[in-house]
Amino acid sequence: MRDTRESRLLLVLLVVIAFALITVDIRGGENSPLDRPRRAAQSVFGPVENSVSGVVDPVGNAVDAVRDSGGRSSTIKRLERENEALKQQLGSKDITRNRAQELDKLLKTAGAGQYAVKAAQVIAIGAAQGFSWTVTIDAGSSDGIARDQTVINGDGLVGRVTTVGPSTSTVLLANDPDFTVGTRLEKSMELGFATGQGNQPMRVQLLNGKAQVHNGDRLVTFGSQAGKPFVPGVPVGKIVGVDPSGGNLTKTVQVRPFVGFTRLDLVGVVVQGPRTDPRDSVLPPKPTPPAKAKATPKNKPSSTPTGGATPGTTTGATGTSTSNGKRG
């Protein structure tokens, strides 16, 4: 259509008519004369509108997804952080449970030996002093720790304190080659000196070359003057081998320590020793060997041979003979 005067007048007329119809429709409300035509138009154009909406909605949803992707990404990251926190919480519960068990064992050992202990945690392995087998604990002079104090855990002898700081201390472990402690054999009271050998069993030299020892025999610390560096009665280990004496005045045995030096966590520093030597009372009871099953008696054979023959008599094809050689 060309832009002429008549076309412009027609456009103005159509706009006026449209406004008039809108005004009549609004004022009429439900009784509007345009209500019926509007319903007819809805019935005609409604399905078309729904079809167009079904085509356009995926596009709109995609646009919304792109717009909301930043929020969803942050939600995923938040859930991942919460999941990691839950994992750490579960792990910390396991650690807390293990430490509670170690503390319980430590207190039982200290109670059996009447040792006053200061509990501490191993926080580092090795030290600047050059020792090959040392650990650092989180207790120092401010906690009452002093040099040359015995260190134990729930299993037995861990080592001795060598250096002390205000809040930390260094412990020389019992399996270090520079470590030596006096020992006493369970029951027999045989004395000796135990030396660490790293990952190998400790080497114990008994003073009595004729001492009767066996695999499985256990040793405890003999103790030092005034309880430093060692208090008496602390479990050391059990014998796993006896070296040939070869006529020597002493006897050497191999002892596996009760303590696992590669998995230390909670330890106790003995700040006050016992009033009396606990002897062997700190050692755990030996396991009771399982009872042997009683043998079931076998059924005894019948005293009368098959066939009704009397004892001492055999029956053959040629006749009967008795045990005295006579034939009947």
Protein backbone atom coordinates (compact mmCIF):
# COMPACT_ATOMS: atom_id res chain seq x y z
CA MET A 1 0.00 0.00 0.00
CA ARG A 2 1.26 3.42 -1.01
CA ASP A 3 1.42 6.24 1.48
CA THR A 4 -1.51 8.40 0.38
CA ARG A 5 -3.92 10.69 2.14
CA GLU A 6 -6.71 8.08 1.95
CA SER A 7 -4.49 5.38 3.53
CA ARG A 8 -3.54 7.64 6.42
CA LEU A 9 -7.25 8.47 7.06
CA LEU A 10 -8.04 4.74 7.00
CA LEU A 11 -5.32 4.00 9.55
CA VAL A 12 -6.60 6.72 11.89
CA LEU A 13 -10.13 5.39 11.54
CA LEU A 14 -9.04 1.83 12.42
CA VAL A 15 -7.17 3.04 15.51
CA VAL A 16 -10.23 4.99 16.70
CA ILE A 17 -12.45 1.92 16.19
CA ALA A 18 -9.97 -0.26 18.13
CA PHE A 19 -9.93 2.11 21.12
CA ALA A 20 -13.73 2.28 21.03
CA LEU A 21 -14.02 -1.53 21.09
CA ILE A 22 -11.53 -1.79 23.97
CA THR A 23 -13.48 0.81 25.96
CA VAL A 24 -16.79 -0.98 25.36
CA ASP A 25 -15.23 -4.36 26.31
CA ILE A 26 -13.74 -3.07 29.55
CA ARG A 27 -16.91 -1.30 30.66
CA GLY A 28 -19.11 -4.26 29.75
CA GLY A 29 -17.16 -6.78 31.91
CA GLU A 30 -18.72 -10.24 31.71
CA ASN A 31 -21.72 -8.76 29.77
CA SER A 32 -19.49 -7.29 27.12
CA PRO A 33 -20.91 -7.67 23.58
CA LEU A 34 -17.39 -8.74 22.50
CA ASP A 35 -17.26 -11.69 24.90
CA ARG A 36 -18.76 -14.19 22.45
CA PRO A 37 -16.47 -13.21 19.54
CA ARG A 38 -13.44 -13.38 21.91
CA ARG A 39 -14.35 -16.94 22.94
CA ALA A 40 -14.72 -17.93 19.32
CA ALA A 41 -11.30 -16.52 18.58
CA GLN A 42 -9.81 -18.43 21.52
CA SER A 43 -11.27 -21.69 20.28
CA VAL A 44 -9.74 -21.07 16.87
CA PHE A 45 -6.37 -19.65 17.77
CA GLY A 46 -5.83 -21.54 21.11
CA PRO A 47 -4.44 -24.77 19.58
CA VAL A 48 -2.18 -22.72 17.34
CA GLU A 49 -0.88 -20.82 20.33
CA ASN A 50 -0.18 -24.06 22.24
CA SER A 51 1.70 -25.48 19.27
CA VAL A 52 3.82 -22.39 18.94
CA SER A 53 4.45 -22.44 22.69
CA GLY A 54 5.59 -26.07 22.53
CA VAL A 55 8.12 -25.14 19.86
CA VAL A 56 9.34 -22.01 21.61
CA ASP A 57 9.47 -23.40 25.22
CA PRO A 58 12.63 -25.55 24.74
CA VAL A 59 14.41 -22.53 23.41
CA GLY A 60 13.23 -20.48 26.39
CA ASN A 61 14.22 -23.23 28.78
CA ALA A 62 17.66 -23.41 27.22
CA VAL A 63 18.04 -19.67 27.63
CA ASP A 64 16.92 -19.97 31.27
CA ALA A 65 19.37 -22.84 31.83
CA VAL A 66 22.23 -20.76 30.46
CA ARG A 67 21.16 -17.84 32.64
CA ASP A 68 20.91 -20.10 35.76
CA SER A 69 24.07 -22.16 35.04
CA GLY A 70 26.16 -19.95 37.29
CA GLY A 71 23.82 -20.58 40.22
CA ARG A 72 23.79 -24.33 39.59
CA SER A 73 27.59 -24.42 39.40
CA SER A 74 27.84 -22.72 42.76
CA THR A 75 25.32 -25.21 44.19
CA ILE A 76 27.41 -28.15 42.94
CA LYS A 77 30.54 -26.65 44.44
CA ARG A 78 28.76 -26.11 47.73
CA LEU A 79 27.56 -29.74 47.78
CA GLU A 80 31.08 -30.95 46.99
CA ARG A 81 32.46 -28.94 49.92
CA GLU A 82 29.80 -30.34 52.24
CA ASN A 83 30.58 -33.88 51.05
CA GLU A 84 34.30 -33.38 51.70
CA ALA A 85 33.53 -31.97 55.15
CA LEU A 86 31.42 -35.04 55.94
CA LYS A 87 34.27 -37.34 54.86
CA GLN A 88 36.71 -35.48 57.09
CA GLN A 89 34.24 -35.63 59.95
CA LEU A 90 33.90 -39.39 59.57
CA GLY A 91 37.70 -39.73 59.42
CA SER A 92 38.11 -37.60 62.52
CA LYS A 93 35.63 -39.83 64.35
CA ASP A 94 37.78 -42.88 63.52
CA ILE A 95 40.90 -41.09 64.73
CA THR A 96 39.13 -40.00 67.91
CA ARG A 97 37.95 -43.56 68.52
CA ASN A 98 41.48 -44.96 68.05
CA ARG A 99 42.98 -42.36 70.36
CA ALA A 100 40.37 -43.09 72.99
CA GLN A 101 41.33 -46.77 72.84
CA GLU A 102 45.05 -45.93 73.08
CA LEU A 103 44.41 -43.61 76.02
CA ASP A 104 42.44 -46.35 77.77
CA LYS A 105 45.30 -48.83 77.31
CA LEU A 106 47.83 -46.22 78.48
CA LEU A 107 45.87 -45.49 81.65
CA LYS A 108 45.52 -49.22 82.41
CA THR A 109 49.28 -49.75 82.01
CA ALA A 110 50.06 -46.69 84.12
CA GLY A 111 47.61 -47.86 86.78
CA ALA A 112 49.10 -51.37 86.90
CA GLY A 113 52.61 -49.96 87.41
CA GLN A 114 51.49 -47.01 89.56
CA TYR A 115 53.16 -44.58 87.14
CA ALA A 116 52.10 -40.93 87.11
CA VAL A 117 52.10 -40.04 83.42
CA LYS A 118 51.60 -36.98 81.25
CA ALA A 119 49.83 -37.91 78.01
CA ALA A 120 51.26 -36.47 74.81
CA GLN A 121 50.81 -36.87 71.08
CA VAL A 122 53.51 -37.68 68.55
CA ILE A 123 53.63 -34.73 66.14
CA ALA A 124 56.84 -35.39 64.17
CA ILE A 125 59.35 -38.10 63.31
CA GLY A 126 63.09 -37.50 63.46
CA ALA A 127 64.95 -34.55 64.94
CA ALA A 128 67.83 -32.19 64.27
CA GLN A 129 70.08 -33.99 66.77
CA GLY A 130 70.88 -36.67 64.20
CA PHE A 131 69.26 -39.62 65.98
CA SER A 132 67.96 -42.20 63.54
CA TRP A 133 64.95 -43.24 65.62
CA THR A 134 63.33 -40.28 67.38
CA VAL A 135 59.93 -38.64 67.61
CA THR A 136 58.76 -35.22 68.77
CA ILE A 137 55.84 -34.97 71.21
CA ASP A 138 53.62 -31.98 71.98
CA ALA A 139 54.57 -31.68 75.66
CA GLY A 140 57.51 -29.80 77.16
CA SER A 141 58.87 -28.16 80.28
CA SER A 142 55.68 -26.16 80.76
CA ASP A 143 53.88 -29.52 81.11
CA GLY A 144 56.30 -30.90 83.70
CA ILE A 145 58.46 -32.84 81.22
CA ALA A 146 62.16 -33.18 82.02
CA ARG A 147 65.18 -34.83 80.45
CA ASP A 148 65.73 -38.58 81.06
CA GLN A 149 62.14 -39.48 81.79
CA THR A 150 60.66 -42.82 80.71
CA VAL A 151 58.16 -42.78 77.83
CA ILE A 152 55.56 -45.55 77.56
CA ASN A 153 52.29 -46.35 75.83
CA GLY A 154 49.62 -48.98 76.42
CA ASP A 155 51.88 -51.74 75.06
CA GLY A 156 55.10 -51.01 76.93
CA LEU A 157 58.42 -49.17 76.66
CA VAL A 158 58.59 -46.47 73.96
CA GLY A 159 61.87 -44.72 74.88
CA ARG A 160 63.26 -41.88 76.97
CA VAL A 161 63.19 -38.08 76.77
CA THR A 162 66.46 -36.62 75.46
CA THR A 163 65.78 -32.91 74.88
CA VAL A 164 63.05 -30.65 76.25
CA GLY A 165 61.64 -27.35 74.99
CA PRO A 166 58.89 -25.18 76.43
CA SER A 167 56.10 -26.98 74.55
CA THR A 168 57.74 -29.94 72.76
CA SER A 169 60.23 -32.70 73.58
CA THR A 170 62.34 -35.21 71.69
CA VAL A 171 62.09 -38.92 72.53
CA LEU A 172 64.81 -41.45 71.67
CA LEU A 173 62.98 -44.65 70.75
CA ALA A 174 63.90 -47.99 72.28
CA ASN A 175 64.75 -49.51 68.91
CA ASP A 176 67.50 -46.95 68.21
CA PRO A 177 71.03 -48.47 68.08
CA ASP A 178 72.16 -45.89 70.67
CA PHE A 179 69.45 -46.95 73.09
CA THR A 180 70.28 -49.29 76.02
CA VAL A 181 68.08 -50.29 78.94
CA GLY A 182 68.51 -52.73 81.82
CA THR A 183 66.07 -55.64 81.68
CA ARG A 184 64.85 -58.41 83.95
CA LEU A 185 63.47 -61.74 82.76
CA GLU A 186 59.97 -62.64 83.91
CA LYS A 187 59.86 -65.03 86.91
CA SER A 188 63.54 -66.07 86.77
CA MET A 189 64.74 -62.51 87.53
CA GLU A 190 67.72 -62.92 85.19
CA LEU A 191 69.25 -59.52 84.41
CA GLY A 192 70.50 -58.20 81.09
CA PHE A 193 70.93 -55.17 78.85
CA ALA A 194 68.74 -54.55 75.80
CA THR A 195 69.98 -52.58 72.78
CA GLY A 196 67.91 -51.37 69.83
CA GLN A 197 68.50 -52.63 66.31
CA GLY A 198 66.15 -50.54 64.20
CA ASN A 199 63.55 -52.68 62.46
CA GLN A 200 65.16 -55.85 63.78
CA PRO A 201 64.40 -57.40 67.19
CA MET A 202 66.25 -55.89 70.16
CA ARG A 203 69.48 -57.57 71.22
CA VAL A 204 69.54 -58.52 74.91
CA GLN A 205 72.71 -59.71 76.59
CA LEU A 206 71.93 -61.72 79.72
CA LEU A 207 74.57 -61.61 82.45
CA ASN A 208 74.19 -65.30 83.23
CA GLY A 209 75.51 -67.41 80.36
CA LYS A 210 73.77 -70.49 81.78
CA ALA A 211 70.35 -68.88 82.17
CA GLN A 212 67.48 -71.08 81.05
CA VAL A 213 65.50 -69.14 78.48
CA HIS A 214 62.86 -70.07 75.91
CA ASN A 215 61.08 -68.42 73.04
CA GLY A 216 58.10 -66.50 74.36
CA ASP A 217 59.73 -65.54 77.68
CA ARG A 218 59.06 -61.88 78.46
CA LEU A 219 61.21 -59.06 79.80
CA VAL A 220 60.53 -55.83 81.71
CA THR A 221 62.73 -52.87 82.60
CA PHE A 222 64.98 -53.33 85.63
CA GLY A 223 64.78 -49.66 86.60
CA SER A 224 67.32 -46.93 87.34
CA GLN A 225 68.35 -44.95 90.39
CA ALA A 226 65.51 -42.58 91.35
CA GLY A 227 63.57 -43.81 88.30
CA LYS A 228 65.68 -41.92 85.74
CA PRO A 229 66.01 -42.59 82.93
CA PHE A 230 63.92 -45.74 83.44
CA VAL A 231 61.26 -46.76 85.92
CA PRO A 232 61.00 -50.49 86.79
CA GLY A 233 58.46 -52.99 85.53
CA VAL A 234 57.70 -51.56 82.08
CA PRO A 235 57.10 -54.35 79.51
CA VAL A 236 59.92 -54.49 76.94
CA GLY A 237 59.25 -57.50 74.71
CA LYS A 238 59.39 -61.27 74.36
CA ILE A 239 62.19 -63.59 73.29
CA VAL A 240 62.01 -64.77 69.68
CA GLY A 241 65.47 -66.30 69.35
CA VAL A 242 68.50 -67.45 71.37
CA ASP A 243 72.03 -67.05 69.98
CA PRO A 244 74.52 -69.90 70.52
CA SER A 245 76.59 -69.11 73.62
CA GLY A 246 79.75 -70.87 72.46
CA GLY A 247 81.02 -71.08 76.02
CA ASN A 248 80.71 -67.34 76.66
CA LEU A 249 80.06 -66.02 80.12
CA THR A 250 76.95 -64.20 78.85
CA LYS A 251 74.00 -65.28 76.72
CA THR A 252 72.47 -63.23 73.92
CA VAL A 253 68.80 -63.40 72.99
CA GLN A 254 66.68 -61.65 70.37
CA VAL A 255 63.63 -59.83 71.74
CA ARG A 256 60.69 -58.52 69.72
CA PRO A 257 59.44 -55.27 71.35
CA PHE A 258 55.81 -55.02 72.43
CA VAL A 259 55.60 -51.49 71.00
CA GLY A 260 55.09 -50.83 67.29
CA PHE A 261 57.50 -47.92 66.73
CA THR A 262 56.25 -47.15 63.22
CA ARG A 263 52.65 -46.47 64.32
CA LEU A 264 53.08 -44.35 67.45
CA ASP A 265 50.43 -41.73 68.17
CA LEU A 266 49.56 -41.31 71.85
CA VAL A 267 52.27 -41.81 74.49
CA GLY A 268 52.73 -41.12 78.18
CA VAL A 269 55.77 -39.54 79.86
CA VAL A 270 56.31 -40.93 83.37
CA VAL A 271 56.67 -37.82 85.52
CA GLN A 272 56.69 -39.82 88.77
CA GLY A 273 57.74 -43.42 89.25
CA PRO A 274 56.16 -46.07 91.51
CA ARG A 275 56.94 -46.30 95.23
CA THR A 276 57.65 -50.02 94.92
CA ASP A 277 58.88 -52.16 92.04
CA PRO A 278 55.81 -53.57 90.26
CA ARG A 279 57.87 -56.57 89.12
CA ASP A 280 55.85 -58.50 86.53
CA SER A 281 52.42 -57.07 87.40
CA VAL A 282 52.37 -54.71 84.39
CA LEU A 283 52.77 -57.57 81.92
CA PRO A 284 49.45 -58.66 80.42
CA PRO A 285 48.19 -62.16 81.32
CA LYS A 286 49.46 -64.84 79.01
CA PRO A 287 46.80 -66.28 76.71
CA THR A 288 45.41 -69.60 77.90
CA PRO A 289 46.19 -72.41 75.42
CA PRO A 290 43.08 -74.04 73.96
CA ALA A 291 41.99 -77.21 75.71
CA LYS A 292 42.74 -80.42 73.83
CA ALA A 293 39.74 -82.41 72.70
CA LYS A 294 39.34 -85.75 74.47
CA ALA A 295 39.87 -88.78 72.28
CA THR A 296 36.72 -90.83 71.68
CA PRO A 297 37.29 -94.48 72.75
CA LYS A 298 37.00 -96.93 69.91
CA ASN A 299 34.60 -99.88 70.09
CA LYS A 300 36.38 -102.97 71.44
CA PRO A 301 36.20 -106.05 69.21
CA SER A 302 33.99 -108.89 70.38
CA SER A 303 35.79 -111.57 72.45
CA THR A 304 33.93 -114.34 70.63
CA PRO A 305 35.06 -114.98 67.02
CA THR A 306 32.47 -115.18 64.29
CA GLY A 307 30.89 -118.58 64.06
CA GLY A 308 30.58 -119.24 67.80
CA ALA A 309 34.04 -120.78 68.29
CA THR A 310 35.51 -120.56 71.77
CA PRO A 311 38.71 -118.58 72.44
CA GLY A 312 41.84 -120.49 71.52
CA THR A 313 39.98 -122.63 68.99
CA THR A 314 40.05 -122.33 65.21
CA THR A 315 37.85 -124.19 62.81
CA GLY A 316 39.25 -125.39 59.53
CA ALA A 317 38.12 -127.53 56.61
CA THR A 318 39.90 -130.65 57.87
CA GLY A 319 38.57 -130.59 61.42
CA THR A 320 38.94 -128.77 64.70
CA SER A 321 42.18 -128.14 66.52
CA THR A 322 42.63 -126.66 70.00
CA SER A 323 45.39 -124.43 71.21
CA ASN A 324 47.26 -127.43 72.68
CA GLY A 325 47.65 -128.94 69.23
CA LYS A 326 45.22 -131.84 69.67
CA ARG A 327 42.77 -132.50 66.92
CA GLY A 328 39.18 -133.47 67.64
